[in-house]
Protein backbone atom coordinates (compact mmCIF):
# COMPACT_ATOMS: atom_id res chain seq x y z
CA UNK A 1 18.48 131.94 157.44
CA UNK A 2 17.54 131.29 161.06
CA UNK A 3 20.05 130.54 163.76
CA UNK A 4 19.13 127.58 165.87
CA UNK A 5 19.09 126.60 169.51
CA UNK A 6 19.68 123.09 170.72
CA UNK A 7 16.88 121.28 172.38
CA UNK A 8 17.52 119.16 175.44
CA UNK A 9 17.37 116.14 173.15
CA UNK A 10 20.05 117.64 170.88
CA UNK A 11 17.78 118.59 168.01
CA UNK A 12 18.02 122.06 166.52
CA UNK A 13 15.09 124.41 167.10
CA UNK A 14 14.72 127.44 164.84
CA UNK A 15 15.20 130.70 166.73
CA UNK A 16 12.07 132.11 165.07
CA UNK A 17 9.95 129.34 166.58
CA UNK A 18 11.49 130.04 170.00
CA UNK A 19 10.70 133.75 169.60
CA UNK A 20 7.13 132.84 168.67
CA UNK A 21 6.88 130.65 171.77
CA UNK A 22 8.22 133.46 174.00
CA UNK A 23 5.63 135.82 172.50
CA UNK A 24 2.92 133.24 173.22
CA UNK A 25 4.10 132.66 176.81
CA UNK A 26 4.02 136.40 177.54
CA UNK A 27 0.67 136.87 175.82
CA UNK A 28 -0.92 134.14 177.94
CA UNK A 29 0.68 135.08 181.28
CA UNK A 30 -1.17 136.46 184.30
CA UNK A 31 -0.59 140.21 183.98
CA UNK A 32 -0.57 140.61 187.76
CA UNK A 33 2.34 138.12 187.96
CA UNK A 34 4.28 138.27 184.68
CA UNK A 35 7.02 135.72 184.05
CA UNK A 36 10.63 136.72 184.57
CA UNK A 37 13.19 135.73 181.93
CA UNK A 38 14.32 132.97 184.30
CA UNK A 39 10.76 131.63 184.55
CA UNK A 40 10.43 131.71 180.74
CA UNK A 41 13.66 129.67 180.53
CA UNK A 42 12.13 127.10 182.93
CA UNK A 43 8.95 126.88 180.80
CA UNK A 44 10.99 126.39 177.64
CA UNK A 45 13.20 123.78 179.30
CA UNK A 46 10.06 121.80 180.22
CA UNK A 47 9.32 121.89 176.48
CA UNK A 48 12.82 120.49 175.79
CA UNK A 49 14.29 123.79 174.59
CA UNK A 50 17.74 124.44 176.05
CA UNK A 51 18.15 128.22 176.16
CA UNK A 52 20.06 130.68 178.33
CA UNK A 53 18.34 133.44 180.29
CA UNK A 54 20.34 136.08 178.43
CA UNK A 55 19.11 134.66 175.11
CA UNK A 56 15.51 134.89 176.33
CA UNK A 57 16.20 138.51 177.33
CA UNK A 58 17.71 139.24 173.90
CA UNK A 59 14.77 137.69 172.05
CA UNK A 60 12.27 139.46 174.33
CA UNK A 61 13.93 142.79 173.51
CA UNK A 62 13.93 141.95 169.78
CA UNK A 63 10.18 141.32 170.07
CA UNK A 64 9.70 144.68 171.85
CA UNK A 65 8.43 142.92 174.97
CA UNK A 66 9.11 144.80 178.19
CA UNK A 67 10.80 143.16 181.20
CA UNK A 68 8.46 141.53 183.72
CA UNK A 69 8.59 144.45 186.17
CA UNK A 70 7.36 146.78 183.40
CA UNK A 71 4.64 144.35 182.21
CA UNK A 72 3.05 143.94 185.63
CA UNK A 73 -0.46 145.36 185.91
CA UNK A 74 -2.26 145.83 189.17
CA UNK A 75 -5.68 144.41 189.87
CA UNK A 76 -7.23 147.84 189.23
CA UNK A 77 -5.47 148.30 185.88
CA UNK A 78 -6.76 144.93 184.71
CA UNK A 79 -10.34 145.58 185.83
CA UNK A 80 -10.62 149.11 184.34
């Protein structure tokens, strides 16, 4: 059974779908400027998902996604 997170409109959003969205956001980010947890919160809020930064951090860790400063790749790492 999934816990849920309230959307801005008050509807429940399954935590698994939020985790999937976080995974997608990180997968599609610019690796030279990865999103911070705060920026991921802002993206999700634009999609009407009301979530705390610490919850994003917890989900990111559960998904084995490194923090933004560890995901950053330089221009040369991307090109080689």
